[in-house]
Amino acid sequence: MQCTVRWGEGMTFIAETGSNHLVTMDGAPEGGGRNLAPRPMEVLLAGAGGCTAYDVVVILKKNGQEVRGCEVKLAAERAATDPKVFTKIHYHFVVRGRNLKRNLVEQAVRLTHEKYCSATAMLAKTAEISKDFELIED
């Protein structure tokens, strides 16, 4: 996997991924940014959310579940001093579908955190990870 990050204008950075996609990041105004894009740490948190949501959907589909939507809301806390790593991250999954089996959703959420999601595994080195979920019948 590769990525190139280029400095743009002010404190804006453009990342080009190995799959040829662009991600724009910017700093806060107090740090010289113009607040035009997410902060790099927000992108990191979003990546972890995307990784876990992807896993949950794949696991549920493999188990024959009629999943129609998956959302994960992440709430994170960071250290007060540099490096301001994540110290706590809570994942709240909202899974929509038809006749979803609660035990299979619970298993999917557990497996993404314990086995499959590389991003969460890395973040768990500095952050206390917690998770929960809710089901919505569609």
N, C-alpha and C. Protein backbone atom coordinates (compact mmCIF):
# COMPACT_ATOMS: atom_id res chain seq x y z
N MET A 1 0.85 -1.17 0.00
CA MET A 1 0.00 0.00 0.00
C MET A 1 0.89 1.23 0.00
N GLN A 2 0.50 2.21 -0.80
CA GLN A 2 1.29 3.42 -0.90
C GLN A 2 0.38 4.65 -0.83
N CYS A 3 0.98 5.76 -0.46
CA CYS A 3 0.25 7.03 -0.42
C CYS A 3 1.28 8.15 -0.53
N THR A 4 0.95 9.19 -1.28
CA THR A 4 1.79 10.37 -1.38
C THR A 4 0.98 11.56 -0.87
N VAL A 5 1.58 12.31 0.04
CA VAL A 5 0.91 13.49 0.59
C VAL A 5 1.71 14.71 0.16
N ARG A 6 1.00 15.68 -0.46
CA ARG A 6 1.65 16.90 -0.94
C ARG A 6 1.07 18.12 -0.23
N TRP A 7 1.95 19.01 0.13
CA TRP A 7 1.56 20.26 0.75
C TRP A 7 0.98 21.16 -0.33
N GLY A 8 -0.17 21.73 -0.05
CA GLY A 8 -0.81 22.65 -0.98
C GLY A 8 -0.63 24.08 -0.51
N GLU A 9 -1.73 24.79 -0.39
CA GLU A 9 -1.71 26.18 0.03
C GLU A 9 -2.03 26.28 1.52
N GLY A 10 -1.38 27.21 2.22
CA GLY A 10 -1.62 27.35 3.66
C GLY A 10 -1.18 26.09 4.38
N MET A 11 -2.10 25.43 5.07
CA MET A 11 -1.81 24.16 5.75
C MET A 11 -2.70 23.06 5.18
N THR A 12 -3.00 23.15 3.88
CA THR A 12 -3.78 22.13 3.19
C THR A 12 -2.82 21.10 2.60
N PHE A 13 -3.19 19.84 2.74
CA PHE A 13 -2.41 18.73 2.20
C PHE A 13 -3.33 17.85 1.38
N ILE A 14 -2.82 17.38 0.26
CA ILE A 14 -3.56 16.47 -0.62
C ILE A 14 -2.86 15.12 -0.60
N ALA A 15 -3.59 14.09 -0.22
CA ALA A 15 -3.06 12.73 -0.24
C ALA A 15 -3.57 12.03 -1.48
N GLU A 16 -2.67 11.37 -2.19
CA GLU A 16 -3.06 10.54 -3.32
C GLU A 16 -2.76 9.10 -2.93
N THR A 17 -3.79 8.29 -2.91
CA THR A 17 -3.64 6.91 -2.46
C THR A 17 -3.10 6.03 -3.58
N GLY A 18 -2.67 4.85 -3.21
CA GLY A 18 -2.18 3.90 -4.19
C GLY A 18 -3.23 3.49 -5.20
N SER A 19 -4.50 3.63 -4.83
CA SER A 19 -5.60 3.31 -5.75
C SER A 19 -6.04 4.54 -6.55
N ASN A 20 -5.20 5.58 -6.54
CA ASN A 20 -5.39 6.82 -7.31
C ASN A 20 -6.60 7.65 -6.89
N HIS A 21 -6.88 7.68 -5.60
CA HIS A 21 -7.92 8.54 -5.07
C HIS A 21 -7.29 9.67 -4.27
N LEU A 22 -7.99 10.79 -4.19
CA LEU A 22 -7.48 11.96 -3.49
C LEU A 22 -8.24 12.19 -2.19
N VAL A 23 -7.50 12.58 -1.16
CA VAL A 23 -8.08 12.96 0.12
C VAL A 23 -7.45 14.29 0.50
N THR A 24 -8.28 15.28 0.73
CA THR A 24 -7.79 16.60 1.13
C THR A 24 -7.88 16.72 2.64
N MET A 25 -6.84 17.28 3.24
CA MET A 25 -6.81 17.52 4.68
C MET A 25 -6.38 18.96 4.90
N ASP A 26 -6.86 19.57 5.98
CA ASP A 26 -6.48 20.95 6.28
C ASP A 26 -6.34 21.10 7.78
N GLY A 27 -5.65 22.13 8.18
CA GLY A 27 -5.46 22.43 9.59
C GLY A 27 -6.51 23.41 10.10
N ALA A 28 -6.56 23.52 11.40
CA ALA A 28 -7.44 24.49 12.04
C ALA A 28 -6.89 25.89 11.81
N PRO A 29 -7.76 26.91 11.78
CA PRO A 29 -7.29 28.29 11.58
C PRO A 29 -6.21 28.72 12.57
N GLU A 30 -6.32 28.28 13.82
CA GLU A 30 -5.31 28.69 14.81
C GLU A 30 -3.93 28.07 14.53
N GLY A 31 -3.89 27.06 13.65
CA GLY A 31 -2.62 26.45 13.27
C GLY A 31 -2.19 26.83 11.87
N GLY A 32 -2.85 27.82 11.28
CA GLY A 32 -2.48 28.27 9.95
C GLY A 32 -3.33 27.68 8.83
N GLY A 33 -4.26 26.81 9.18
CA GLY A 33 -5.15 26.23 8.18
C GLY A 33 -6.31 27.14 7.85
N ARG A 34 -7.10 26.71 6.87
CA ARG A 34 -8.26 27.50 6.47
C ARG A 34 -9.56 26.76 6.72
N ASN A 35 -9.48 25.62 7.41
CA ASN A 35 -10.67 24.84 7.76
C ASN A 35 -11.46 24.42 6.53
N LEU A 36 -10.76 24.03 5.47
CA LEU A 36 -11.41 23.64 4.21
C LEU A 36 -11.65 22.14 4.09
N ALA A 37 -11.07 21.37 4.99
CA ALA A 37 -11.16 19.91 4.89
C ALA A 37 -10.95 19.31 6.28
N PRO A 38 -11.17 18.00 6.42
CA PRO A 38 -10.96 17.38 7.73
C PRO A 38 -9.50 17.45 8.16
N ARG A 39 -9.30 17.38 9.47
CA ARG A 39 -7.96 17.31 10.03
C ARG A 39 -7.40 15.90 9.79
N PRO A 40 -6.10 15.75 9.73
CA PRO A 40 -5.52 14.42 9.53
C PRO A 40 -5.99 13.39 10.57
N MET A 41 -6.11 13.78 11.82
CA MET A 41 -6.56 12.83 12.85
C MET A 41 -8.02 12.45 12.65
N GLU A 42 -8.83 13.34 12.11
CA GLU A 42 -10.22 13.00 11.78
C GLU A 42 -10.25 11.96 10.65
N VAL A 43 -9.34 12.10 9.70
CA VAL A 43 -9.27 11.14 8.59
C VAL A 43 -8.86 9.76 9.13
N LEU A 44 -7.94 9.76 10.08
CA LEU A 44 -7.52 8.50 10.71
C LEU A 44 -8.70 7.83 11.41
N LEU A 45 -9.47 8.60 12.17
CA LEU A 45 -10.64 8.07 12.87
C LEU A 45 -11.69 7.57 11.88
N ALA A 46 -11.91 8.33 10.81
CA ALA A 46 -12.87 7.92 9.78
C ALA A 46 -12.43 6.61 9.11
N GLY A 47 -11.13 6.46 8.90
CA GLY A 47 -10.61 5.23 8.31
C GLY A 47 -10.91 4.02 9.19
N ALA A 48 -10.76 4.19 10.50
CA ALA A 48 -11.07 3.10 11.42
C ALA A 48 -12.56 2.77 11.38
N GLY A 49 -13.40 3.79 11.30
CA GLY A 49 -14.83 3.56 11.20
C GLY A 49 -15.20 2.85 9.92
N GLY A 50 -14.59 3.26 8.82
CA GLY A 50 -14.86 2.62 7.53
C GLY A 50 -14.41 1.17 7.53
N CYS A 51 -13.27 0.91 8.13
CA CYS A 51 -12.73 -0.45 8.21
C CYS A 51 -13.69 -1.37 8.98
N THR A 52 -14.16 -0.91 10.13
CA THR A 52 -15.05 -1.76 10.95
C THR A 52 -16.42 -1.92 10.30
N ALA A 53 -16.96 -0.85 9.73
CA ALA A 53 -18.28 -0.95 9.09
C ALA A 53 -18.22 -1.91 7.90
N TYR A 54 -17.15 -1.84 7.13
CA TYR A 54 -16.96 -2.75 6.00
C TYR A 54 -16.99 -4.21 6.49
N ASP A 55 -16.22 -4.48 7.54
CA ASP A 55 -16.18 -5.84 8.09
C ASP A 55 -17.55 -6.31 8.54
N VAL A 56 -18.27 -5.47 9.26
CA VAL A 56 -19.59 -5.85 9.78
C VAL A 56 -20.53 -6.22 8.64
N VAL A 57 -20.56 -5.42 7.58
CA VAL A 57 -21.43 -5.70 6.44
C VAL A 57 -21.03 -7.03 5.77
N VAL A 58 -19.74 -7.22 5.55
CA VAL A 58 -19.27 -8.46 4.90
C VAL A 58 -19.62 -9.68 5.75
N ILE A 59 -19.36 -9.61 7.05
CA ILE A 59 -19.64 -10.74 7.94
C ILE A 59 -21.14 -11.05 7.96
N LEU A 60 -21.97 -10.03 8.05
CA LEU A 60 -23.42 -10.25 8.07
C LEU A 60 -23.92 -10.85 6.76
N LYS A 61 -23.42 -10.36 5.64
CA LYS A 61 -23.83 -10.91 4.34
C LYS A 61 -23.40 -12.37 4.21
N LYS A 62 -22.19 -12.68 4.66
CA LYS A 62 -21.71 -14.06 4.61
C LYS A 62 -22.56 -14.99 5.47
N ASN A 63 -23.19 -14.43 6.50
CA ASN A 63 -24.05 -15.21 7.38
C ASN A 63 -25.51 -15.18 6.92
N GLY A 64 -25.74 -14.71 5.70
CA GLY A 64 -27.08 -14.74 5.12
C GLY A 64 -28.04 -13.70 5.67
N GLN A 65 -27.52 -12.67 6.30
CA GLN A 65 -28.38 -11.64 6.87
C GLN A 65 -28.74 -10.61 5.81
N GLU A 66 -29.97 -10.12 5.87
CA GLU A 66 -30.44 -9.11 4.92
C GLU A 66 -30.16 -7.72 5.49
N VAL A 67 -28.88 -7.38 5.47
CA VAL A 67 -28.45 -6.09 5.99
C VAL A 67 -28.69 -5.04 4.92
N ARG A 68 -29.28 -3.91 5.32
CA ARG A 68 -29.61 -2.84 4.37
C ARG A 68 -28.91 -1.54 4.68
N GLY A 69 -28.27 -1.49 5.82
CA GLY A 69 -27.54 -0.27 6.17
C GLY A 69 -26.66 -0.52 7.37
N CYS A 70 -25.54 0.17 7.41
CA CYS A 70 -24.64 0.08 8.55
C CYS A 70 -23.97 1.44 8.73
N GLU A 71 -24.09 1.95 9.91
CA GLU A 71 -23.50 3.24 10.25
C GLU A 71 -22.72 3.03 11.53
N VAL A 72 -21.58 3.67 11.64
CA VAL A 72 -20.83 3.63 12.90
C VAL A 72 -20.48 5.04 13.29
N LYS A 73 -20.86 5.40 14.51
CA LYS A 73 -20.56 6.72 15.05
C LYS A 73 -19.41 6.54 16.03
N LEU A 74 -18.35 7.29 15.80
CA LEU A 74 -17.16 7.18 16.64
C LEU A 74 -17.01 8.42 17.50
N ALA A 75 -16.71 8.21 18.76
CA ALA A 75 -16.42 9.31 19.68
C ALA A 75 -15.05 9.02 20.27
N ALA A 76 -14.12 9.96 20.12
CA ALA A 76 -12.75 9.71 20.56
C ALA A 76 -12.25 10.81 21.49
N GLU A 77 -11.36 10.40 22.37
CA GLU A 77 -10.65 11.34 23.24
C GLU A 77 -9.17 11.22 22.93
N ARG A 78 -8.47 12.35 23.07
CA ARG A 78 -7.04 12.37 22.78
C ARG A 78 -6.25 12.79 24.01
N ALA A 79 -5.00 12.42 24.04
CA ALA A 79 -4.11 12.82 25.12
C ALA A 79 -3.99 14.34 25.15
N ALA A 80 -3.77 14.87 26.33
CA ALA A 80 -3.68 16.32 26.50
C ALA A 80 -2.34 16.88 26.02
N THR A 81 -1.31 16.03 26.00
CA THR A 81 0.02 16.50 25.60
C THR A 81 0.51 15.73 24.37
N ASP A 82 1.49 16.30 23.70
CA ASP A 82 2.05 15.68 22.49
C ASP A 82 2.81 14.40 22.83
N PRO A 83 2.74 13.39 22.02
CA PRO A 83 1.87 13.29 20.85
C PRO A 83 0.44 13.05 21.32
N LYS A 84 -0.49 13.78 20.76
CA LYS A 84 -1.89 13.72 21.20
C LYS A 84 -2.60 12.53 20.57
N VAL A 85 -2.16 11.34 20.99
CA VAL A 85 -2.73 10.10 20.46
C VAL A 85 -4.16 9.93 20.97
N PHE A 86 -4.91 9.08 20.30
CA PHE A 86 -6.23 8.72 20.82
C PHE A 86 -6.04 7.89 22.08
N THR A 87 -6.80 8.22 23.11
CA THR A 87 -6.72 7.47 24.37
C THR A 87 -7.99 6.66 24.63
N LYS A 88 -9.10 7.09 24.05
CA LYS A 88 -10.36 6.36 24.15
C LYS A 88 -11.11 6.52 22.84
N ILE A 89 -11.68 5.42 22.37
CA ILE A 89 -12.53 5.48 21.18
C ILE A 89 -13.74 4.58 21.43
N HIS A 90 -14.92 5.16 21.23
CA HIS A 90 -16.15 4.37 21.34
C HIS A 90 -16.80 4.27 19.96
N TYR A 91 -17.12 3.04 19.56
CA TYR A 91 -17.78 2.76 18.29
C TYR A 91 -19.24 2.42 18.59
N HIS A 92 -20.16 3.15 18.02
CA HIS A 92 -21.59 2.83 18.15
C HIS A 92 -22.12 2.49 16.76
N PHE A 93 -22.45 1.22 16.57
CA PHE A 93 -22.95 0.74 15.28
C PHE A 93 -24.47 0.82 15.25
N VAL A 94 -25.01 1.28 14.14
CA VAL A 94 -26.45 1.24 13.89
C VAL A 94 -26.61 0.39 12.62
N VAL A 95 -27.18 -0.79 12.80
CA VAL A 95 -27.31 -1.75 11.70
C VAL A 95 -28.78 -1.89 11.35
N ARG A 96 -29.10 -1.66 10.09
CA ARG A 96 -30.47 -1.77 9.60
C ARG A 96 -30.59 -3.01 8.71
N GLY A 97 -31.75 -3.62 8.79
CA GLY A 97 -32.00 -4.76 7.92
C GLY A 97 -33.31 -5.43 8.23
N ARG A 98 -33.52 -6.53 7.56
CA ARG A 98 -34.75 -7.30 7.72
C ARG A 98 -34.45 -8.60 8.43
N ASN A 99 -35.15 -8.82 9.54
CA ASN A 99 -35.02 -10.05 10.32
C ASN A 99 -33.57 -10.34 10.73
N LEU A 100 -32.85 -9.30 11.09
CA LEU A 100 -31.46 -9.50 11.52
C LEU A 100 -31.43 -10.25 12.85
N LYS A 101 -30.52 -11.18 12.95
CA LYS A 101 -30.36 -11.93 14.20
C LYS A 101 -29.37 -11.18 15.07
N ARG A 102 -29.84 -10.81 16.26
CA ARG A 102 -29.03 -10.01 17.19
C ARG A 102 -27.69 -10.67 17.48
N ASN A 103 -27.69 -11.98 17.67
CA ASN A 103 -26.43 -12.66 18.00
C ASN A 103 -25.43 -12.58 16.85
N LEU A 104 -25.90 -12.57 15.61
CA LEU A 104 -24.98 -12.48 14.47
C LEU A 104 -24.42 -11.07 14.31
N VAL A 105 -25.22 -10.06 14.62
CA VAL A 105 -24.73 -8.68 14.59
C VAL A 105 -23.69 -8.50 15.69
N GLU A 106 -23.99 -9.01 16.87
CA GLU A 106 -23.05 -8.93 17.98
C GLU A 106 -21.73 -9.63 17.62
N GLN A 107 -21.83 -10.77 16.99
CA GLN A 107 -20.64 -11.51 16.56
C GLN A 107 -19.85 -10.71 15.53
N ALA A 108 -20.52 -10.10 14.57
CA ALA A 108 -19.84 -9.31 13.54
C ALA A 108 -19.10 -8.13 14.15
N VAL A 109 -19.72 -7.45 15.09
CA VAL A 109 -19.09 -6.31 15.77
C VAL A 109 -17.88 -6.79 16.57
N ARG A 110 -18.02 -7.91 17.24
CA ARG A 110 -16.91 -8.46 18.03
C ARG A 110 -15.75 -8.86 17.12
N LEU A 111 -16.06 -9.57 16.02
CA LEU A 111 -15.01 -10.06 15.12
C LEU A 111 -14.23 -8.93 14.44
N THR A 112 -14.91 -7.87 14.04
CA THR A 112 -14.17 -6.78 13.41
C THR A 112 -13.15 -6.19 14.37
N HIS A 113 -13.51 -6.11 15.65
CA HIS A 113 -12.59 -5.53 16.63
C HIS A 113 -11.51 -6.51 17.07
N GLU A 114 -11.84 -7.77 17.18
CA GLU A 114 -10.89 -8.75 17.71
C GLU A 114 -10.02 -9.40 16.65
N LYS A 115 -10.48 -9.42 15.40
CA LYS A 115 -9.77 -10.21 14.40
C LYS A 115 -9.45 -9.48 13.10
N TYR A 116 -10.38 -8.72 12.56
CA TYR A 116 -10.25 -8.27 11.18
C TYR A 116 -9.77 -6.84 10.95
N CYS A 117 -10.20 -5.88 11.74
CA CYS A 117 -9.92 -4.48 11.42
C CYS A 117 -8.50 -4.07 11.83
N SER A 118 -7.65 -3.88 10.84
CA SER A 118 -6.26 -3.49 11.07
C SER A 118 -6.17 -2.11 11.72
N ALA A 119 -7.03 -1.20 11.29
CA ALA A 119 -6.99 0.17 11.83
C ALA A 119 -7.30 0.17 13.32
N THR A 120 -8.33 -0.56 13.72
CA THR A 120 -8.69 -0.63 15.14
C THR A 120 -7.58 -1.31 15.93
N ALA A 121 -6.97 -2.35 15.36
CA ALA A 121 -5.88 -3.04 16.05
C ALA A 121 -4.72 -2.09 16.34
N MET A 122 -4.41 -1.22 15.38
CA MET A 122 -3.33 -0.26 15.60
C MET A 122 -3.73 0.79 16.64
N LEU A 123 -4.95 1.30 16.54
CA LEU A 123 -5.39 2.32 17.48
C LEU A 123 -5.51 1.78 18.90
N ALA A 124 -5.79 0.49 19.02
CA ALA A 124 -5.93 -0.13 20.34
C ALA A 124 -4.61 -0.17 21.10
N LYS A 125 -3.49 0.12 20.42
CA LYS A 125 -2.19 0.17 21.09
C LYS A 125 -2.09 1.37 22.03
N THR A 126 -2.89 2.42 21.76
CA THR A 126 -2.86 3.61 22.63
C THR A 126 -4.22 3.95 23.21
N ALA A 127 -5.29 3.43 22.61
CA ALA A 127 -6.64 3.84 23.02
C ALA A 127 -7.42 2.67 23.63
N GLU A 128 -8.20 3.01 24.63
CA GLU A 128 -9.17 2.06 25.18
C GLU A 128 -10.34 2.04 24.20
N ILE A 129 -10.64 0.86 23.68
CA ILE A 129 -11.70 0.72 22.67
C ILE A 129 -12.95 0.17 23.33
N SER A 130 -14.09 0.80 23.07
CA SER A 130 -15.38 0.26 23.52
C SER A 130 -16.33 0.28 22.33
N LYS A 131 -17.36 -0.54 22.43
CA LYS A 131 -18.28 -0.65 21.30
C LYS A 131 -19.64 -1.08 21.79
N ASP A 132 -20.66 -0.69 21.02
CA ASP A 132 -22.01 -1.19 21.22
C ASP A 132 -22.74 -1.09 19.89
N PHE A 133 -23.96 -1.58 19.86
CA PHE A 133 -24.71 -1.54 18.60
C PHE A 133 -26.19 -1.49 18.89
N GLU A 134 -26.92 -1.06 17.86
CA GLU A 134 -28.38 -1.11 17.89
C GLU A 134 -28.85 -1.63 16.56
N LEU A 135 -29.99 -2.29 16.60
CA LEU A 135 -30.60 -2.84 15.39
C LEU A 135 -31.83 -2.04 15.04
N ILE A 136 -32.02 -1.81 13.75
CA ILE A 136 -33.22 -1.15 13.26
C ILE A 136 -33.85 -2.07 12.22
N GLU A 137 -35.07 -2.49 12.50
CA GLU A 137 -35.81 -3.34 11.57
C GLU A 137 -36.26 -2.48 10.40
N ASP A 138 -35.94 -2.93 9.20
CA ASP A 138 -36.22 -2.17 7.99
C ASP A 138 -37.34 -2.82 7.20
